Every structure is written in structure tokens, then in C-alpha cells.
mmCIF file of all heavy atoms, coordinates in Angstrom:
data_MODEL
# 
_entry.id   MODEL 
# 
loop_
_atom_site.group_PDB 
_atom_site.id 
_atom_site.type_symbol 
_atom_site.label_atom_id 
_atom_site.label_alt_id 
_atom_site.label_comp_id 
_atom_site.label_asym_id 
_atom_site.label_entity_id 
_atom_site.label_seq_id 
_atom_site.pdbx_PDB_ins_code 
_atom_site.Cartn_x 
_atom_site.Cartn_y 
_atom_site.Cartn_z 
_atom_site.occupancy 
_atom_site.B_iso_or_equiv 
_atom_site.pdbx_formal_charge 
_atom_site.auth_seq_id 
_atom_site.auth_comp_id 
_atom_site.auth_asym_id 
_atom_site.auth_atom_id 
_atom_site.pdbx_PDB_model_num 
ATOM 1   N N   . SER A 1 1  ? -3.076 -12.646 14.128  1.00 0.00 ? 1  SER A N   1 
ATOM 2   C CA  . SER A 1 1  ? -3.176 -12.189 12.739  1.00 0.00 ? 1  SER A CA  1 
ATOM 3   C C   . SER A 1 1  ? -3.762 -10.789 12.673  1.00 0.00 ? 1  SER A C   1 
ATOM 4   O O   . SER A 1 1  ? -4.534 -10.379 13.553  1.00 0.00 ? 1  SER A O   1 
ATOM 5   C CB  . SER A 1 1  ? -4.081 -13.133 11.942  1.00 0.00 ? 1  SER A CB  1 
ATOM 6   O OG  . SER A 1 1  ? -3.559 -14.440 11.894  1.00 0.00 ? 1  SER A OG  1 
ATOM 7   N N   . LEU A 1 2  ? -3.392 -10.094 11.630  1.00 0.00 ? 2  LEU A N   1 
ATOM 8   C CA  . LEU A 1 2  ? -3.974 -8.801  11.296  1.00 0.00 ? 2  LEU A CA  1 
ATOM 9   C C   . LEU A 1 2  ? -4.044 -8.696  9.780   1.00 0.00 ? 2  LEU A C   1 
ATOM 10  O O   . LEU A 1 2  ? -3.230 -9.304  9.067   1.00 0.00 ? 2  LEU A O   1 
ATOM 11  C CB  . LEU A 1 2  ? -3.133 -7.638  11.828  1.00 0.00 ? 2  LEU A CB  1 
ATOM 12  C CG  . LEU A 1 2  ? -3.194 -7.318  13.321  1.00 0.00 ? 2  LEU A CG  1 
ATOM 13  C CD1 . LEU A 1 2  ? -2.161 -6.250  13.659  1.00 0.00 ? 2  LEU A CD1 1 
ATOM 14  C CD2 . LEU A 1 2  ? -4.581 -6.854  13.732  1.00 0.00 ? 2  LEU A CD2 1 
ATOM 15  N N   . ARG A 1 3  ? -4.985 -7.890  9.311   1.00 0.00 ? 3  ARG A N   1 
ATOM 16  C CA  . ARG A 1 3  ? -5.079 -7.597  7.891   1.00 0.00 ? 3  ARG A CA  1 
ATOM 17  C C   . ARG A 1 3  ? -5.020 -6.090  7.703   1.00 0.00 ? 3  ARG A C   1 
ATOM 18  O O   . ARG A 1 3  ? -5.908 -5.369  8.161   1.00 0.00 ? 3  ARG A O   1 
ATOM 19  C CB  . ARG A 1 3  ? -6.369 -8.156  7.300   1.00 0.00 ? 3  ARG A CB  1 
ATOM 20  C CG  . ARG A 1 3  ? -6.433 -8.048  5.773   1.00 0.00 ? 3  ARG A CG  1 
ATOM 21  C CD  . ARG A 1 3  ? -7.779 -8.437  5.246   1.00 0.00 ? 3  ARG A CD  1 
ATOM 22  N NE  . ARG A 1 3  ? -7.781 -8.667  3.803   1.00 0.00 ? 3  ARG A NE  1 
ATOM 23  C CZ  . ARG A 1 3  ? -8.791 -8.353  3.004   1.00 0.00 ? 3  ARG A CZ  1 
ATOM 24  N NH1 . ARG A 1 3  ? -9.879 -7.803  3.498   1.00 0.00 ? 3  ARG A NH1 1 
ATOM 25  N NH2 . ARG A 1 3  ? -8.710 -8.593  1.704   1.00 0.00 ? 3  ARG A NH2 1 
ATOM 26  N N   . LEU A 1 4  ? -3.998 -5.643  7.015   1.00 0.00 ? 4  LEU A N   1 
ATOM 27  C CA  . LEU A 1 4  ? -3.829 -4.229  6.727   1.00 0.00 ? 4  LEU A CA  1 
ATOM 28  C C   . LEU A 1 4  ? -4.424 -3.895  5.367   1.00 0.00 ? 4  LEU A C   1 
ATOM 29  O O   . LEU A 1 4  ? -4.404 -4.715  4.456   1.00 0.00 ? 4  LEU A O   1 
ATOM 30  C CB  . LEU A 1 4  ? -2.349 -3.852  6.746   1.00 0.00 ? 4  LEU A CB  1 
ATOM 31  C CG  . LEU A 1 4  ? -1.555 -4.237  7.992   1.00 0.00 ? 4  LEU A CG  1 
ATOM 32  C CD1 . LEU A 1 4  ? -0.130 -3.698  7.862   1.00 0.00 ? 4  LEU A CD1 1 
ATOM 33  C CD2 . LEU A 1 4  ? -2.215 -3.736  9.247   1.00 0.00 ? 4  LEU A CD2 1 
ATOM 34  N N   . SER A 1 5  ? -4.918 -2.666  5.260   1.00 0.00 ? 5  SER A N   1 
ATOM 35  C CA  . SER A 1 5  ? -5.437 -2.153  4.002   1.00 0.00 ? 5  SER A CA  1 
ATOM 36  C C   . SER A 1 5  ? -4.784 -0.823  3.679   1.00 0.00 ? 5  SER A C   1 
ATOM 37  O O   . SER A 1 5  ? -4.446 -0.058  4.588   1.00 0.00 ? 5  SER A O   1 
ATOM 38  C CB  . SER A 1 5  ? -6.956 -1.956  4.077   1.00 0.00 ? 5  SER A CB  1 
ATOM 39  O OG  . SER A 1 5  ? -7.630 -3.159  4.342   1.00 0.00 ? 5  SER A OG  1 
ATOM 40  N N   . CYS A 1 6  ? -4.619 -0.552  2.400   1.00 0.00 ? 6  CYS A N   1 
ATOM 41  C CA  . CYS A 1 6  ? -4.116 0.739   1.946   1.00 0.00 ? 6  CYS A CA  1 
ATOM 42  C C   . CYS A 1 6  ? -4.959 1.179   0.765   1.00 0.00 ? 6  CYS A C   1 
ATOM 43  O O   . CYS A 1 6  ? -4.959 0.516   -0.277  1.00 0.00 ? 6  CYS A O   1 
ATOM 44  C CB  . CYS A 1 6  ? -2.654 0.641   1.552   1.00 0.00 ? 6  CYS A CB  1 
ATOM 45  S SG  . CYS A 1 6  ? -2.031 2.118   0.718   1.00 0.00 ? 6  CYS A SG  1 
ATOM 46  N N   . ALA A 1 7  ? -5.673 2.271   0.961   1.00 0.00 ? 7  ALA A N   1 
ATOM 47  C CA  . ALA A 1 7  ? -6.493 2.842   -0.102  1.00 0.00 ? 7  ALA A CA  1 
ATOM 48  C C   . ALA A 1 7  ? -5.719 3.956   -0.784  1.00 0.00 ? 7  ALA A C   1 
ATOM 49  O O   . ALA A 1 7  ? -5.232 4.878   -0.127  1.00 0.00 ? 7  ALA A O   1 
ATOM 50  C CB  . ALA A 1 7  ? -7.795 3.366   0.472   1.00 0.00 ? 7  ALA A CB  1 
ATOM 51  N N   . ALA A 1 8  ? -5.608 3.856   -2.088  1.00 0.00 ? 8  ALA A N   1 
ATOM 52  C CA  . ALA A 1 8  ? -4.861 4.839   -2.870  1.00 0.00 ? 8  ALA A CA  1 
ATOM 53  C C   . ALA A 1 8  ? -5.815 5.661   -3.719  1.00 0.00 ? 8  ALA A C   1 
ATOM 54  O O   . ALA A 1 8  ? -6.799 5.139   -4.241  1.00 0.00 ? 8  ALA A O   1 
ATOM 55  C CB  . ALA A 1 8  ? -3.843 4.140   -3.760  1.00 0.00 ? 8  ALA A CB  1 
ATOM 56  N N   . SER A 1 9  ? -5.502 6.941   -3.855  1.00 0.00 ? 9  SER A N   1 
ATOM 57  C CA  . SER A 1 9  ? -6.286 7.807   -4.720  1.00 0.00 ? 9  SER A CA  1 
ATOM 58  C C   . SER A 1 9  ? -5.351 8.751   -5.451  1.00 0.00 ? 9  SER A C   1 
ATOM 59  O O   . SER A 1 9  ? -4.224 8.995   -5.007  1.00 0.00 ? 9  SER A O   1 
ATOM 60  C CB  . SER A 1 9  ? -7.330 8.587   -3.912  1.00 0.00 ? 9  SER A CB  1 
ATOM 61  O OG  . SER A 1 9  ? -6.720 9.383   -2.923  1.00 0.00 ? 9  SER A OG  1 
ATOM 62  N N   . GLY A 1 10 ? -5.823 9.252   -6.582  1.00 0.00 ? 10 GLY A N   1 
ATOM 63  C CA  . GLY A 1 10 ? -5.029 10.208  -7.347  1.00 0.00 ? 10 GLY A CA  1 
ATOM 64  C C   . GLY A 1 10 ? -4.025 9.585   -8.286  1.00 0.00 ? 10 GLY A C   1 
ATOM 65  O O   . GLY A 1 10 ? -3.192 10.298  -8.857  1.00 0.00 ? 10 GLY A O   1 
ATOM 66  N N   . ILE A 1 11 ? -4.084 8.262   -8.455  1.00 0.00 ? 11 ILE A N   1 
ATOM 67  C CA  . ILE A 1 11 ? -3.161 7.566   -9.351  1.00 0.00 ? 11 ILE A CA  1 
ATOM 68  C C   . ILE A 1 11 ? -3.923 6.528   -10.171 1.00 0.00 ? 11 ILE A C   1 
ATOM 69  O O   . ILE A 1 11 ? -4.976 6.056   -9.733  1.00 0.00 ? 11 ILE A O   1 
ATOM 70  C CB  . ILE A 1 11 ? -2.043 6.840   -8.561  1.00 0.00 ? 11 ILE A CB  1 
ATOM 71  C CG1 . ILE A 1 11 ? -2.651 5.865   -7.541  1.00 0.00 ? 11 ILE A CG1 1 
ATOM 72  C CG2 . ILE A 1 11 ? -1.105 7.833   -7.903  1.00 0.00 ? 11 ILE A CG2 1 
ATOM 73  C CD1 . ILE A 1 11 ? -1.639 4.969   -6.871  1.00 0.00 ? 11 ILE A CD1 1 
ATOM 74  N N   . PRO A 1 12 ? -3.377 6.169   -11.335 1.00 0.00 ? 12 PRO A N   1 
ATOM 75  C CA  . PRO A 1 12 ? -3.943 5.015   -12.074 1.00 0.00 ? 12 PRO A CA  1 
ATOM 76  C C   . PRO A 1 12 ? -3.451 3.736   -11.416 1.00 0.00 ? 12 PRO A C   1 
ATOM 77  O O   . PRO A 1 12 ? -2.541 3.065   -11.909 1.00 0.00 ? 12 PRO A O   1 
ATOM 78  C CB  . PRO A 1 12 ? -3.388 5.204   -13.477 1.00 0.00 ? 12 PRO A CB  1 
ATOM 79  C CG  . PRO A 1 12 ? -2.113 5.940   -13.278 1.00 0.00 ? 12 PRO A CG  1 
ATOM 80  C CD  . PRO A 1 12 ? -2.285 6.814   -12.077 1.00 0.00 ? 12 PRO A CD  1 
ATOM 81  N N   . PHE A 1 13 ? -4.078 3.374   -10.330 1.00 0.00 ? 13 PHE A N   1 
ATOM 82  C CA  . PHE A 1 13 ? -3.596 2.341   -9.405  1.00 0.00 ? 13 PHE A CA  1 
ATOM 83  C C   . PHE A 1 13 ? -3.233 1.042   -10.112 1.00 0.00 ? 13 PHE A C   1 
ATOM 84  O O   . PHE A 1 13 ? -2.210 0.427   -9.814  1.00 0.00 ? 13 PHE A O   1 
ATOM 85  C CB  . PHE A 1 13 ? -4.689 2.098   -8.361  1.00 0.00 ? 13 PHE A CB  1 
ATOM 86  C CG  . PHE A 1 13 ? -4.368 1.039   -7.351  1.00 0.00 ? 13 PHE A CG  1 
ATOM 87  C CD1 . PHE A 1 13 ? -3.588 1.328   -6.249  1.00 0.00 ? 13 PHE A CD1 1 
ATOM 88  C CD2 . PHE A 1 13 ? -4.876 -0.258  -7.499  1.00 0.00 ? 13 PHE A CD2 1 
ATOM 89  C CE1 . PHE A 1 13 ? -3.301 0.362   -5.296  1.00 0.00 ? 13 PHE A CE1 1 
ATOM 90  C CE2 . PHE A 1 13 ? -4.602 -1.231  -6.551  1.00 0.00 ? 13 PHE A CE2 1 
ATOM 91  C CZ  . PHE A 1 13 ? -3.810 -0.919  -5.451  1.00 0.00 ? 13 PHE A CZ  1 
ATOM 92  N N   . SER A 1 14 ? -4.047 0.613   -11.038 1.00 0.00 ? 14 SER A N   1 
ATOM 93  C CA  . SER A 1 14 ? -3.897 -0.734  -11.593 1.00 0.00 ? 14 SER A CA  1 
ATOM 94  C C   . SER A 1 14 ? -2.604 -0.926  -12.354 1.00 0.00 ? 14 SER A C   1 
ATOM 95  O O   . SER A 1 14 ? -2.174 -2.068  -12.552 1.00 0.00 ? 14 SER A O   1 
ATOM 96  C CB  . SER A 1 14 ? -5.094 -1.070  -12.482 1.00 0.00 ? 14 SER A CB  1 
ATOM 97  O OG  . SER A 1 14 ? -5.127 -0.209  -13.602 1.00 0.00 ? 14 SER A OG  1 
ATOM 98  N N   . ILE A 1 15 ? -1.939 0.139   -12.792 1.00 0.00 ? 15 ILE A N   1 
ATOM 99  C CA  . ILE A 1 15 ? -0.738 -0.026  -13.605 1.00 0.00 ? 15 ILE A CA  1 
ATOM 100 C C   . ILE A 1 15 ? 0.535  -0.086  -12.759 1.00 0.00 ? 15 ILE A C   1 
ATOM 101 O O   . ILE A 1 15 ? 1.605  -0.388  -13.283 1.00 0.00 ? 15 ILE A O   1 
ATOM 102 C CB  . ILE A 1 15 ? -0.595 1.094   -14.653 1.00 0.00 ? 15 ILE A CB  1 
ATOM 103 C CG1 . ILE A 1 15 ? -0.223 2.430   -13.995 1.00 0.00 ? 15 ILE A CG1 1 
ATOM 104 C CG2 . ILE A 1 15 ? -1.854 1.202   -15.499 1.00 0.00 ? 15 ILE A CG2 1 
ATOM 105 C CD1 . ILE A 1 15 ? 0.147  3.508   -15.008 1.00 0.00 ? 15 ILE A CD1 1 
ATOM 106 N N   . TYR A 1 16 ? 0.402  0.171   -11.460 1.00 0.00 ? 16 TYR A N   1 
ATOM 107 C CA  . TYR A 1 16 ? 1.585  0.242   -10.608 1.00 0.00 ? 16 TYR A CA  1 
ATOM 108 C C   . TYR A 1 16 ? 1.794  -1.025  -9.795  1.00 0.00 ? 16 TYR A C   1 
ATOM 109 O O   . TYR A 1 16 ? 0.834  -1.581  -9.238  1.00 0.00 ? 16 TYR A O   1 
ATOM 110 C CB  . TYR A 1 16 ? 1.471  1.411   -9.631  1.00 0.00 ? 16 TYR A CB  1 
ATOM 111 C CG  . TYR A 1 16 ? 1.714  2.749   -10.269 1.00 0.00 ? 16 TYR A CG  1 
ATOM 112 C CD1 . TYR A 1 16 ? 0.658  3.571   -10.628 1.00 0.00 ? 16 TYR A CD1 1 
ATOM 113 C CD2 . TYR A 1 16 ? 3.004  3.192   -10.515 1.00 0.00 ? 16 TYR A CD2 1 
ATOM 114 C CE1 . TYR A 1 16 ? 0.877  4.811   -11.210 1.00 0.00 ? 16 TYR A CE1 1 
ATOM 115 C CE2 . TYR A 1 16 ? 3.237  4.423   -11.092 1.00 0.00 ? 16 TYR A CE2 1 
ATOM 116 C CZ  . TYR A 1 16 ? 2.171  5.223   -11.445 1.00 0.00 ? 16 TYR A CZ  1 
ATOM 117 O OH  . TYR A 1 16 ? 2.392  6.444   -12.022 1.00 0.00 ? 16 TYR A OH  1 
ATOM 118 N N   . ALA A 1 17 ? 3.061  -1.449  -9.699  1.00 0.00 ? 17 ALA A N   1 
ATOM 119 C CA  . ALA A 1 17 ? 3.408  -2.389  -8.639  1.00 0.00 ? 17 ALA A CA  1 
ATOM 120 C C   . ALA A 1 17 ? 3.277  -1.650  -7.312  1.00 0.00 ? 17 ALA A C   1 
ATOM 121 O O   . ALA A 1 17 ? 3.587  -0.468  -7.217  1.00 0.00 ? 17 ALA A O   1 
ATOM 122 C CB  . ALA A 1 17 ? 4.833  -2.901  -8.816  1.00 0.00 ? 17 ALA A CB  1 
ATOM 123 N N   . MET A 1 18 ? 2.818  -2.383  -6.291  1.00 0.00 ? 18 MET A N   1 
ATOM 124 C CA  . MET A 1 18 ? 2.618  -1.783  -4.972  1.00 0.00 ? 18 MET A CA  1 
ATOM 125 C C   . MET A 1 18 ? 3.392  -2.564  -3.928  1.00 0.00 ? 18 MET A C   1 
ATOM 126 O O   . MET A 1 18 ? 3.629  -3.764  -4.079  1.00 0.00 ? 18 MET A O   1 
ATOM 127 C CB  . MET A 1 18 ? 1.132  -1.773  -4.611  1.00 0.00 ? 18 MET A CB  1 
ATOM 128 C CG  . MET A 1 18 ? 0.279  -0.877  -5.496  1.00 0.00 ? 18 MET A CG  1 
ATOM 129 S SD  . MET A 1 18 ? 0.686  0.878   -5.344  1.00 0.00 ? 18 MET A SD  1 
ATOM 130 C CE  . MET A 1 18 ? 0.230  1.191   -3.636  1.00 0.00 ? 18 MET A CE  1 
ATOM 131 N N   . GLY A 1 19 ? 3.750  -1.882  -2.861  1.00 0.00 ? 19 GLY A N   1 
ATOM 132 C CA  . GLY A 1 19 ? 4.511  -2.526  -1.813  1.00 0.00 ? 19 GLY A CA  1 
ATOM 133 C C   . GLY A 1 19 ? 4.047  -2.123  -0.434  1.00 0.00 ? 19 GLY A C   1 
ATOM 134 O O   . GLY A 1 19 ? 3.480  -1.046  -0.253  1.00 0.00 ? 19 GLY A O   1 
ATOM 135 N N   . TRP A 1 20 ? 4.299  -3.008  0.512   1.00 0.00 ? 20 TRP A N   1 
ATOM 136 C CA  . TRP A 1 20 ? 4.141  -2.701  1.933   1.00 0.00 ? 20 TRP A CA  1 
ATOM 137 C C   . TRP A 1 20 ? 5.533  -2.594  2.550   1.00 0.00 ? 20 TRP A C   1 
ATOM 138 O O   . TRP A 1 20 ? 6.393  -3.445  2.311   1.00 0.00 ? 20 TRP A O   1 
ATOM 139 C CB  . TRP A 1 20 ? 3.339  -3.794  2.649   1.00 0.00 ? 20 TRP A CB  1 
ATOM 140 C CG  . TRP A 1 20 ? 1.862  -3.664  2.476   1.00 0.00 ? 20 TRP A CG  1 
ATOM 141 C CD1 . TRP A 1 20 ? 1.069  -4.331  1.589   1.00 0.00 ? 20 TRP A CD1 1 
ATOM 142 C CD2 . TRP A 1 20 ? 0.995  -2.806  3.226   1.00 0.00 ? 20 TRP A CD2 1 
ATOM 143 N NE1 . TRP A 1 20 ? -0.233 -3.932  1.729   1.00 0.00 ? 20 TRP A NE1 1 
ATOM 144 C CE2 . TRP A 1 20 ? -0.311 -3.006  2.736   1.00 0.00 ? 20 TRP A CE2 1 
ATOM 145 C CE3 . TRP A 1 20 ? 1.186  -1.898  4.266   1.00 0.00 ? 20 TRP A CE3 1 
ATOM 146 C CZ2 . TRP A 1 20 ? -1.424 -2.330  3.242   1.00 0.00 ? 20 TRP A CZ2 1 
ATOM 147 C CZ3 . TRP A 1 20 ? 0.088  -1.222  4.766   1.00 0.00 ? 20 TRP A CZ3 1 
ATOM 148 C CH2 . TRP A 1 20 ? -1.192 -1.434  4.263   1.00 0.00 ? 20 TRP A CH2 1 
ATOM 149 N N   . TYR A 1 21 ? 5.713  -1.560  3.340   1.00 0.00 ? 21 TYR A N   1 
ATOM 150 C CA  . TYR A 1 21 ? 6.978  -1.278  3.990   1.00 0.00 ? 21 TYR A CA  1 
ATOM 151 C C   . TYR A 1 21 ? 6.727  -1.190  5.493   1.00 0.00 ? 21 TYR A C   1 
ATOM 152 O O   . TYR A 1 21 ? 5.607  -0.943  5.927   1.00 0.00 ? 21 TYR A O   1 
ATOM 153 C CB  . TYR A 1 21 ? 7.526  0.077   3.507   1.00 0.00 ? 21 TYR A CB  1 
ATOM 154 C CG  . TYR A 1 21 ? 7.736  0.163   2.024   1.00 0.00 ? 21 TYR A CG  1 
ATOM 155 C CD1 . TYR A 1 21 ? 6.665  0.343   1.147   1.00 0.00 ? 21 TYR A CD1 1 
ATOM 156 C CD2 . TYR A 1 21 ? 9.022  0.081   1.486   1.00 0.00 ? 21 TYR A CD2 1 
ATOM 157 C CE1 . TYR A 1 21 ? 6.856  0.428   -0.223  1.00 0.00 ? 21 TYR A CE1 1 
ATOM 158 C CE2 . TYR A 1 21 ? 9.224  0.171   0.117   1.00 0.00 ? 21 TYR A CE2 1 
ATOM 159 C CZ  . TYR A 1 21 ? 8.140  0.344   -0.722  1.00 0.00 ? 21 TYR A CZ  1 
ATOM 160 O OH  . TYR A 1 21 ? 8.335  0.423   -2.077  1.00 0.00 ? 21 TYR A OH  1 
ATOM 161 N N   . ARG A 1 22 ? 7.794  -1.326  6.256   1.00 0.00 ? 22 ARG A N   1 
ATOM 162 C CA  . ARG A 1 22 ? 7.656  -1.122  7.687   1.00 0.00 ? 22 ARG A CA  1 
ATOM 163 C C   . ARG A 1 22 ? 8.888  -0.430  8.236   1.00 0.00 ? 22 ARG A C   1 
ATOM 164 O O   . ARG A 1 22 ? 9.986  -0.552  7.677   1.00 0.00 ? 22 ARG A O   1 
ATOM 165 C CB  . ARG A 1 22 ? 7.398  -2.431  8.431   1.00 0.00 ? 22 ARG A CB  1 
ATOM 166 C CG  . ARG A 1 22 ? 8.533  -3.441  8.435   1.00 0.00 ? 22 ARG A CG  1 
ATOM 167 C CD  . ARG A 1 22 ? 8.057  -4.734  9.081   1.00 0.00 ? 22 ARG A CD  1 
ATOM 168 N NE  . ARG A 1 22 ? 9.124  -5.740  9.136   1.00 0.00 ? 22 ARG A NE  1 
ATOM 169 C CZ  . ARG A 1 22 ? 8.926  -7.008  9.495   1.00 0.00 ? 22 ARG A CZ  1 
ATOM 170 N NH1 . ARG A 1 22 ? 7.705  -7.420  9.842   1.00 0.00 ? 22 ARG A NH1 1 
ATOM 171 N NH2 . ARG A 1 22 ? 9.948  -7.850  9.526   1.00 0.00 ? 22 ARG A NH2 1 
ATOM 172 N N   . GLN A 1 23 ? 8.664  0.267   9.346   1.00 0.00 ? 23 GLN A N   1 
ATOM 173 C CA  . GLN A 1 23 ? 9.749  1.033   9.952   1.00 0.00 ? 23 GLN A CA  1 
ATOM 174 C C   . GLN A 1 23 ? 9.606  1.013   11.467  1.00 0.00 ? 23 GLN A C   1 
ATOM 175 O O   . GLN A 1 23 ? 8.505  1.211   11.987  1.00 0.00 ? 23 GLN A O   1 
ATOM 176 C CB  . GLN A 1 23 ? 9.719  2.475   9.443   1.00 0.00 ? 23 GLN A CB  1 
ATOM 177 C CG  . GLN A 1 23 ? 10.891 3.317   9.892   1.00 0.00 ? 23 GLN A CG  1 
ATOM 178 C CD  . GLN A 1 23 ? 10.902 4.687   9.237   1.00 0.00 ? 23 GLN A CD  1 
ATOM 179 O OE1 . GLN A 1 23 ? 9.872  5.244   8.884   1.00 0.00 ? 23 GLN A OE1 1 
ATOM 180 N NE2 . GLN A 1 23 ? 12.099 5.246   9.056   1.00 0.00 ? 23 GLN A NE2 1 
ATOM 181 N N   . VAL A 1 24 ? 10.725 0.774   12.123  1.00 0.00 ? 24 VAL A N   1 
ATOM 182 C CA  . VAL A 1 24 ? 10.800 0.915   13.578  1.00 0.00 ? 24 VAL A CA  1 
ATOM 183 C C   . VAL A 1 24 ? 11.636 2.139   13.885  1.00 0.00 ? 24 VAL A C   1 
ATOM 184 O O   . VAL A 1 24 ? 12.490 2.529   13.085  1.00 0.00 ? 24 VAL A O   1 
ATOM 185 C CB  . VAL A 1 24 ? 11.370 -0.351  14.251  1.00 0.00 ? 24 VAL A CB  1 
ATOM 186 C CG1 . VAL A 1 24 ? 10.450 -1.532  13.993  1.00 0.00 ? 24 VAL A CG1 1 
ATOM 187 C CG2 . VAL A 1 24 ? 12.774 -0.648  13.775  1.00 0.00 ? 24 VAL A CG2 1 
ATOM 188 N N   . PRO A 1 25 ? 11.422 2.760   15.035  1.00 0.00 ? 25 PRO A N   1 
ATOM 189 C CA  . PRO A 1 25 ? 12.169 3.982   15.357  1.00 0.00 ? 25 PRO A CA  1 
ATOM 190 C C   . PRO A 1 25 ? 13.673 3.774   15.261  1.00 0.00 ? 25 PRO A C   1 
ATOM 191 O O   . PRO A 1 25 ? 14.209 2.764   15.751  1.00 0.00 ? 25 PRO A O   1 
ATOM 192 C CB  . PRO A 1 25 ? 11.727 4.281   16.787  1.00 0.00 ? 25 PRO A CB  1 
ATOM 193 C CG  . PRO A 1 25 ? 10.371 3.691   16.902  1.00 0.00 ? 25 PRO A CG  1 
ATOM 194 C CD  . PRO A 1 25 ? 10.422 2.442   16.063  1.00 0.00 ? 25 PRO A CD  1 
# 
């Protein structure tokens, strides 16, 4: 298991839907 975090700044965070994405080469 792992737990990822994403800290956002410069936006009114609470009003946005947020997503996690991933990419392989």
C-alpha cells in the first residue's frame, strides 16, 4: 500500500472536482 498526497495552492480548492492521473512512458 501507499498513500499519495497532493497539496494545491493558488486556487479556491473546495469548489473544484479533483482527480488523480497516472502516466507510464
